[in-house]
Amino acid sequence: MAGIIPHKEGAEVSHLLADVRCMCGKIVAQRARTKIYIKCRHCKRFIIIDTREDCSNWETKYR
């Protein structure tokens, strides 16, 4: 199961991340090779989801 880690520091979130965007164009998350980063719009902390598998080529689906 993937772990969810709240994280305040933004230094590790580098320019190597791929943006995950909504259909409206807003960035809703970013993903690296094995992690998904979600930033809280209120406190600016990052929630880091460790997928333990390569998610860099995952397809974004909308509903």
PDB file of N, CA and C in Angstrom:
ATOM      1  N   MET A   1       0.843  -1.186   0.000  1.00  0.00           N
ATOM      2  CA  MET A   1       0.000   0.000   0.000  1.00  0.00           C
ATOM      3  C   MET A   1       0.883   1.242   0.000  1.00  0.00           C
ATOM      4  N   ALA A   2       0.447   2.263  -0.655  1.00  0.00           N
ATOM      5  CA  ALA A   2       1.225   3.493  -0.755  1.00  0.00           C
ATOM      6  C   ALA A   2       1.159   4.265   0.551  1.00  0.00           C
ATOM      7  N   GLY A   3       2.256   4.919   0.892  1.00  0.00           N
ATOM      8  CA  GLY A   3       2.291   5.731   2.100  1.00  0.00           C
ATOM      9  C   GLY A   3       1.991   7.176   1.775  1.00  0.00           C
ATOM     10  N   ILE A   4       1.352   7.876   2.693  1.00  0.00           N
ATOM     11  CA  ILE A   4       1.047   9.289   2.526  1.00  0.00           C
ATOM     12  C   ILE A   4       1.837  10.044   3.587  1.00  0.00           C
ATOM     13  N   ILE A   5       2.682  10.983   3.149  1.00  0.00           N
ATOM     14  CA  ILE A   5       3.578  11.678   4.049  1.00  0.00           C
ATOM     15  C   ILE A   5       3.367  13.182   3.902  1.00  0.00           C
ATOM     16  N   PRO A   6       2.823  13.884   4.917  1.00  0.00           N
ATOM     17  CA  PRO A   6       2.743  15.341   4.826  1.00  0.00           C
ATOM     18  C   PRO A   6       4.146  15.932   4.927  1.00  0.00           C
ATOM     19  N   HIS A   7       4.420  16.957   4.155  1.00  0.00           N
ATOM     20  CA  HIS A   7       5.776  17.480   4.083  1.00  0.00           C
ATOM     21  C   HIS A   7       5.733  18.986   3.884  1.00  0.00           C
ATOM     22  N   LYS A   8       6.427  19.747   4.713  1.00  0.00           N
ATOM     23  CA  LYS A   8       6.411  21.204   4.636  1.00  0.00           C
ATOM     24  C   LYS A   8       7.469  21.754   3.684  1.00  0.00           C
ATOM     25  N   GLU A   9       8.606  21.115   3.598  1.00  0.00           N
ATOM     26  CA  GLU A   9       9.718  21.629   2.803  1.00  0.00           C
ATOM     27  C   GLU A   9       9.459  21.445   1.312  1.00  0.00           C
ATOM     28  N   GLY A  10       9.736  22.462   0.524  1.00  0.00           N
ATOM     29  CA  GLY A  10       9.541  22.376  -0.910  1.00  0.00           C
ATOM     30  C   GLY A  10      10.823  22.170  -1.695  1.00  0.00           C
ATOM     31  N   ALA A  11      11.958  22.100  -1.009  1.00  0.00           N
ATOM     32  CA  ALA A  11      13.248  22.019  -1.689  1.00  0.00           C
ATOM     33  C   ALA A  11      13.410  20.740  -2.494  1.00  0.00           C
ATOM     34  N   GLU A  12      12.830  19.643  -2.037  1.00  0.00           N
ATOM     35  CA  GLU A  12      12.993  18.374  -2.736  1.00  0.00           C
ATOM     36  C   GLU A  12      12.127  18.286  -3.986  1.00  0.00           C
ATOM     37  N   VAL A  13      11.129  19.125  -4.084  1.00  0.00           N
ATOM     38  CA  VAL A  13      10.248  19.108  -5.251  1.00  0.00           C
ATOM     39  C   VAL A  13      10.956  19.887  -6.352  1.00  0.00           C
ATOM     40  N   SER A  14      11.565  19.172  -7.248  1.00  0.00           N
ATOM     41  CA  SER A  14      12.428  19.793  -8.251  1.00  0.00           C
ATOM     42  C   SER A  14      11.688  20.039  -9.556  1.00  0.00           C
ATOM     43  N   HIS A  15      12.405  20.606 -10.500  1.00  0.00           N
ATOM     44  CA  HIS A  15      11.854  20.881 -11.827  1.00  0.00           C
ATOM     45  C   HIS A  15      11.713  19.607 -12.653  1.00  0.00           C
ATOM     46  N   LEU A  16      12.114  18.463 -12.120  1.00  0.00           N
ATOM     47  CA  LEU A  16      12.020  17.201 -12.850  1.00  0.00           C
ATOM     48  C   LEU A  16      10.645  16.555 -12.736  1.00  0.00           C
ATOM     49  N   LEU A  17       9.723  17.211 -12.077  1.00  0.00           N
ATOM     50  CA  LEU A  17       8.386  16.660 -11.887  1.00  0.00           C
ATOM     51  C   LEU A  17       7.505  16.954 -13.094  1.00  0.00           C
ATOM     52  N   ALA A  18       6.618  16.022 -13.391  1.00  0.00           N
ATOM     53  CA  ALA A  18       5.641  16.219 -14.464  1.00  0.00           C
ATOM     54  C   ALA A  18       4.345  16.735 -13.847  1.00  0.00           C
ATOM     55  N   ASP A  19       3.761  17.741 -14.450  1.00  0.00           N
ATOM     56  CA  ASP A  19       2.502  18.296 -13.950  1.00  0.00           C
ATOM     57  C   ASP A  19       1.340  17.375 -14.287  1.00  0.00           C
ATOM     58  N   VAL A  20       0.418  17.244 -13.340  1.00  0.00           N
ATOM     59  CA  VAL A  20      -0.850  16.549 -13.573  1.00  0.00           C
ATOM     60  C   VAL A  20      -1.905  17.643 -13.545  1.00  0.00           C
ATOM     61  N   ARG A  21      -2.550  17.862 -14.684  1.00  0.00           N
ATOM     62  CA  ARG A  21      -3.481  18.985 -14.811  1.00  0.00           C
ATOM     63  C   ARG A  21      -4.924  18.523 -14.960  1.00  0.00           C
ATOM     64  N   CYS A  22      -5.815  19.368 -14.477  1.00  0.00           N
ATOM     65  CA  CYS A  22      -7.244  19.176 -14.681  1.00  0.00           C
ATOM     66  C   CYS A  22      -7.563  19.526 -16.139  1.00  0.00           C
ATOM     67  N   MET A  23      -8.737  19.187 -16.586  1.00  0.00           N
ATOM     68  CA  MET A  23      -9.147  19.531 -17.950  1.00  0.00           C
ATOM     69  C   MET A  23      -9.205  21.046 -18.151  1.00  0.00           C
ATOM     70  N   CYS A  24      -9.379  21.815 -17.063  1.00  0.00           N
ATOM     71  CA  CYS A  24      -9.418  23.274 -17.163  1.00  0.00           C
ATOM     72  C   CYS A  24      -8.023  23.882 -17.272  1.00  0.00           C
ATOM     73  N   GLY A  25      -6.978  23.063 -17.068  1.00  0.00           N
ATOM     74  CA  GLY A  25      -5.609  23.540 -17.196  1.00  0.00           C
ATOM     75  C   GLY A  25      -4.893  23.772 -15.876  1.00  0.00           C
ATOM     76  N   LYS A  26      -5.608  23.751 -14.754  1.00  0.00           N
ATOM     77  CA  LYS A  26      -4.995  23.973 -13.444  1.00  0.00           C
ATOM     78  C   LYS A  26      -4.182  22.753 -13.023  1.00  0.00           C
ATOM     79  N   ILE A  27      -3.001  23.008 -12.460  1.00  0.00           N
ATOM     80  CA  ILE A  27      -2.171  21.918 -11.943  1.00  0.00           C
ATOM     81  C   ILE A  27      -2.800  21.416 -10.645  1.00  0.00           C
ATOM     82  N   VAL A  28      -3.092  20.125 -10.577  1.00  0.00           N
ATOM     83  CA  VAL A  28      -3.687  19.553  -9.363  1.00  0.00           C
ATOM     84  C   VAL A  28      -2.692  18.695  -8.596  1.00  0.00           C
ATOM     85  N   ALA A  29      -1.610  18.273  -9.241  1.00  0.00           N
ATOM     86  CA  ALA A  29      -0.570  17.467  -8.597  1.00  0.00           C
ATOM     87  C   ALA A  29       0.650  17.463  -9.504  1.00  0.00           C
ATOM     88  N   GLN A  30       1.725  16.915  -8.982  1.00  0.00           N
ATOM     89  CA  GLN A  30       2.917  16.688  -9.793  1.00  0.00           C
ATOM     90  C   GLN A  30       3.390  15.279  -9.499  1.00  0.00           C
ATOM     91  N   ARG A  31       4.027  14.661 -10.474  1.00  0.00           N
ATOM     92  CA  ARG A  31       4.497  13.307 -10.237  1.00  0.00           C
ATOM     93  C   ARG A  31       5.950  13.167 -10.664  1.00  0.00           C
ATOM     94  N   ALA A  32       6.655  12.388  -9.882  1.00  0.00           N
ATOM     95  CA  ALA A  32       8.027  12.007 -10.189  1.00  0.00           C
ATOM     96  C   ALA A  32       7.988  10.529 -10.526  1.00  0.00           C
ATOM     97  N   ARG A  33       9.105   9.888 -10.478  1.00  0.00           N
ATOM     98  CA  ARG A  33       9.144   8.488 -10.890  1.00  0.00           C
ATOM     99  C   ARG A  33       8.281   7.592 -10.005  1.00  0.00           C
ATOM    100  N   THR A  34       8.450   7.671  -8.689  1.00  0.00           N
ATOM    101  CA  THR A  34       7.691   6.791  -7.789  1.00  0.00           C
ATOM    102  C   THR A  34       6.871   7.560  -6.768  1.00  0.00           C
ATOM    103  N   LYS A  35       6.720   8.865  -6.962  1.00  0.00           N
ATOM    104  CA  LYS A  35       5.993   9.676  -5.985  1.00  0.00           C
ATOM    105  C   LYS A  35       5.021  10.621  -6.683  1.00  0.00           C
ATOM    106  N   ILE A  36       3.926  10.902  -6.004  1.00  0.00           N
ATOM    107  CA  ILE A  36       2.965  11.903  -6.455  1.00  0.00           C
ATOM    108  C   ILE A  36       2.924  12.987  -5.388  1.00  0.00           C
ATOM    109  N   TYR A  37       3.085  14.256  -5.803  1.00  0.00           N
ATOM    110  CA  TYR A  37       3.115  15.387  -4.892  1.00  0.00           C
ATOM    111  C   TYR A  37       1.828  16.189  -5.058  1.00  0.00           C
ATOM    112  N   ILE A  38       1.127  16.404  -3.947  1.00  0.00           N
ATOM    113  CA  ILE A  38      -0.068  17.240  -3.944  1.00  0.00           C
ATOM    114  C   ILE A  38       0.184  18.366  -2.951  1.00  0.00           C
ATOM    115  N   LYS A  39      -0.003  19.611  -3.380  1.00  0.00           N
ATOM    116  CA  LYS A  39       0.268  20.759  -2.524  1.00  0.00           C
ATOM    117  C   LYS A  39      -1.042  21.318  -1.986  1.00  0.00           C
ATOM    118  N   CYS A  40      -1.104  21.495  -0.673  1.00  0.00           N
ATOM    119  CA  CYS A  40      -2.291  22.086  -0.052  1.00  0.00           C
ATOM    120  C   CYS A  40      -2.368  23.554  -0.448  1.00  0.00           C
ATOM    121  N   ARG A  41      -3.497  23.978  -0.950  1.00  0.00           N
ATOM    122  CA  ARG A  41      -3.614  25.364  -1.396  1.00  0.00           C
ATOM    123  C   ARG A  41      -3.747  26.341  -0.233  1.00  0.00           C
ATOM    124  N   HIS A  42      -3.988  25.837   0.973  1.00  0.00           N
ATOM    125  CA  HIS A  42      -4.128  26.715   2.138  1.00  0.00           C
ATOM    126  C   HIS A  42      -2.809  26.893   2.892  1.00  0.00           C
ATOM    127  N   CYS A  43      -2.196  25.791   3.321  1.00  0.00           N
ATOM    128  CA  CYS A  43      -0.981  25.884   4.143  1.00  0.00           C
ATOM    129  C   CYS A  43       0.298  25.687   3.343  1.00  0.00           C
ATOM    130  N   LYS A  44       0.189  25.322   2.062  1.00  0.00           N
ATOM    131  CA  LYS A  44       1.326  25.145   1.150  1.00  0.00           C
ATOM    132  C   LYS A  44       2.191  23.924   1.480  1.00  0.00           C
ATOM    133  N   ARG A  45       1.725  23.039   2.337  1.00  0.00           N
ATOM    134  CA  ARG A  45       2.456  21.799   2.601  1.00  0.00           C
ATOM    135  C   ARG A  45       2.234  20.835   1.444  1.00  0.00           C
ATOM    136  N   PHE A  46       3.180  19.922   1.285  1.00  0.00           N
ATOM    137  CA  PHE A  46       3.064  18.888   0.267  1.00  0.00           C
ATOM    138  C   PHE A  46       2.636  17.579   0.906  1.00  0.00           C
ATOM    139  N   ILE A  47       1.713  16.889   0.260  1.00  0.00           N
ATOM    140  CA  ILE A  47       1.377  15.516   0.599  1.00  0.00           C
ATOM    141  C   ILE A  47       2.106  14.673  -0.440  1.00  0.00           C
ATOM    142  N   ILE A  48       2.954  13.772   0.011  1.00  0.00           N
ATOM    143  CA  ILE A  48       3.750  12.950  -0.897  1.00  0.00           C
ATOM    144  C   ILE A  48       3.250  11.518  -0.814  1.00  0.00           C
ATOM    145  N   ILE A  49       2.760  11.005  -1.925  1.00  0.00           N
ATOM    146  CA  ILE A  49       2.260   9.635  -1.993  1.00  0.00           C
ATOM    147  C   ILE A  49       3.328   8.790  -2.671  1.00  0.00           C
ATOM    148  N   ASP A  50       3.877   7.845  -1.927  1.00  0.00           N
ATOM    149  CA  ASP A  50       4.911   6.952  -2.453  1.00  0.00           C
ATOM    150  C   ASP A  50       4.221   5.747  -3.081  1.00  0.00           C
ATOM    151  N   THR A  51       4.316   5.619  -4.395  1.00  0.00           N
ATOM    152  CA  THR A  51       3.609   4.546  -5.098  1.00  0.00           C
ATOM    153  C   THR A  51       4.390   3.241  -5.129  1.00  0.00           C
ATOM    154  N   ARG A  52       5.687   3.303  -4.837  1.00  0.00           N
ATOM    155  CA  ARG A  52       6.568   2.131  -4.850  1.00  0.00           C
ATOM    156  C   ARG A  52       6.626   1.440  -6.212  1.00  0.00           C
ATOM    157  N   GLU A  53       6.163   2.105  -7.228  1.00  0.00           N
ATOM    158  CA  GLU A  53       6.299   1.623  -8.600  1.00  0.00           C
ATOM    159  C   GLU A  53       6.414   2.840  -9.496  1.00  0.00           C
ATOM    160  N   ASP A  54       6.898   2.659 -10.687  1.00  0.00           N
ATOM    161  CA  ASP A  54       7.101   3.767 -11.613  1.00  0.00           C
ATOM    162  C   ASP A  54       5.752   4.307 -12.082  1.00  0.00           C
ATOM    163  N   CYS A  55       5.459   5.553 -11.723  1.00  0.00           N
ATOM    164  CA  CYS A  55       4.189   6.164 -12.131  1.00  0.00           C
ATOM    165  C   CYS A  55       4.410   7.255 -13.171  1.00  0.00           C
ATOM    166  N   SER A  56       5.616   7.383 -13.693  1.00  0.00           N
ATOM    167  CA  SER A  56       5.927   8.467 -14.621  1.00  0.00           C
ATOM    168  C   SER A  56       5.182   8.355 -15.945  1.00  0.00           C
ATOM    169  N   ASN A  57       4.699   7.175 -16.287  1.00  0.00           N
ATOM    170  CA  ASN A  57       3.970   7.028 -17.556  1.00  0.00           C
ATOM    171  C   ASN A  57       2.493   6.705 -17.342  1.00  0.00           C
ATOM    172  N   TRP A  58       1.982   6.969 -16.144  1.00  0.00           N
ATOM    173  CA  TRP A  58       0.561   6.731 -15.885  1.00  0.00           C
ATOM    174  C   TRP A  58      -0.291   7.673 -16.719  1.00  0.00           C
ATOM    175  N   GLU A  59      -1.442   7.202 -17.121  1.00  0.00           N
ATOM    176  CA  GLU A  59      -2.386   7.999 -17.901  1.00  0.00           C
ATOM    177  C   GLU A  59      -3.339   8.717 -16.947  1.00  0.00           C
ATOM    178  N   THR A  60      -3.635   9.989 -17.246  1.00  0.00           N
ATOM    179  CA  THR A  60      -4.596  10.746 -16.452  1.00  0.00           C
ATOM    180  C   THR A  60      -5.979  10.529 -17.033  1.00  0.00           C
ATOM    181  N   LYS A  61      -6.913  10.099 -16.195  1.00  0.00           N
ATOM    182  CA  LYS A  61      -8.293   9.881 -16.642  1.00  0.00           C
ATOM    183  C   LYS A  61      -9.209  10.862 -15.924  1.00  0.00           C
ATOM    184  N   TYR A  62     -10.230  11.301 -16.612  1.00  0.00           N
ATOM    185  CA  TYR A  62     -11.184  12.269 -16.069  1.00  0.00           C
ATOM    186  C   TYR A  62     -12.561  11.634 -16.002  1.00  0.00           C
ATOM    187  N   ARG A  63     -13.372  12.106 -15.065  1.00  0.00           N
ATOM    188  CA  ARG A  63     -14.759  11.649 -15.018  1.00  0.00           C
ATOM    189  C   ARG A  63     -15.691  12.804 -14.759  1.00  0.00           C
TER     190      ARG A  63
END
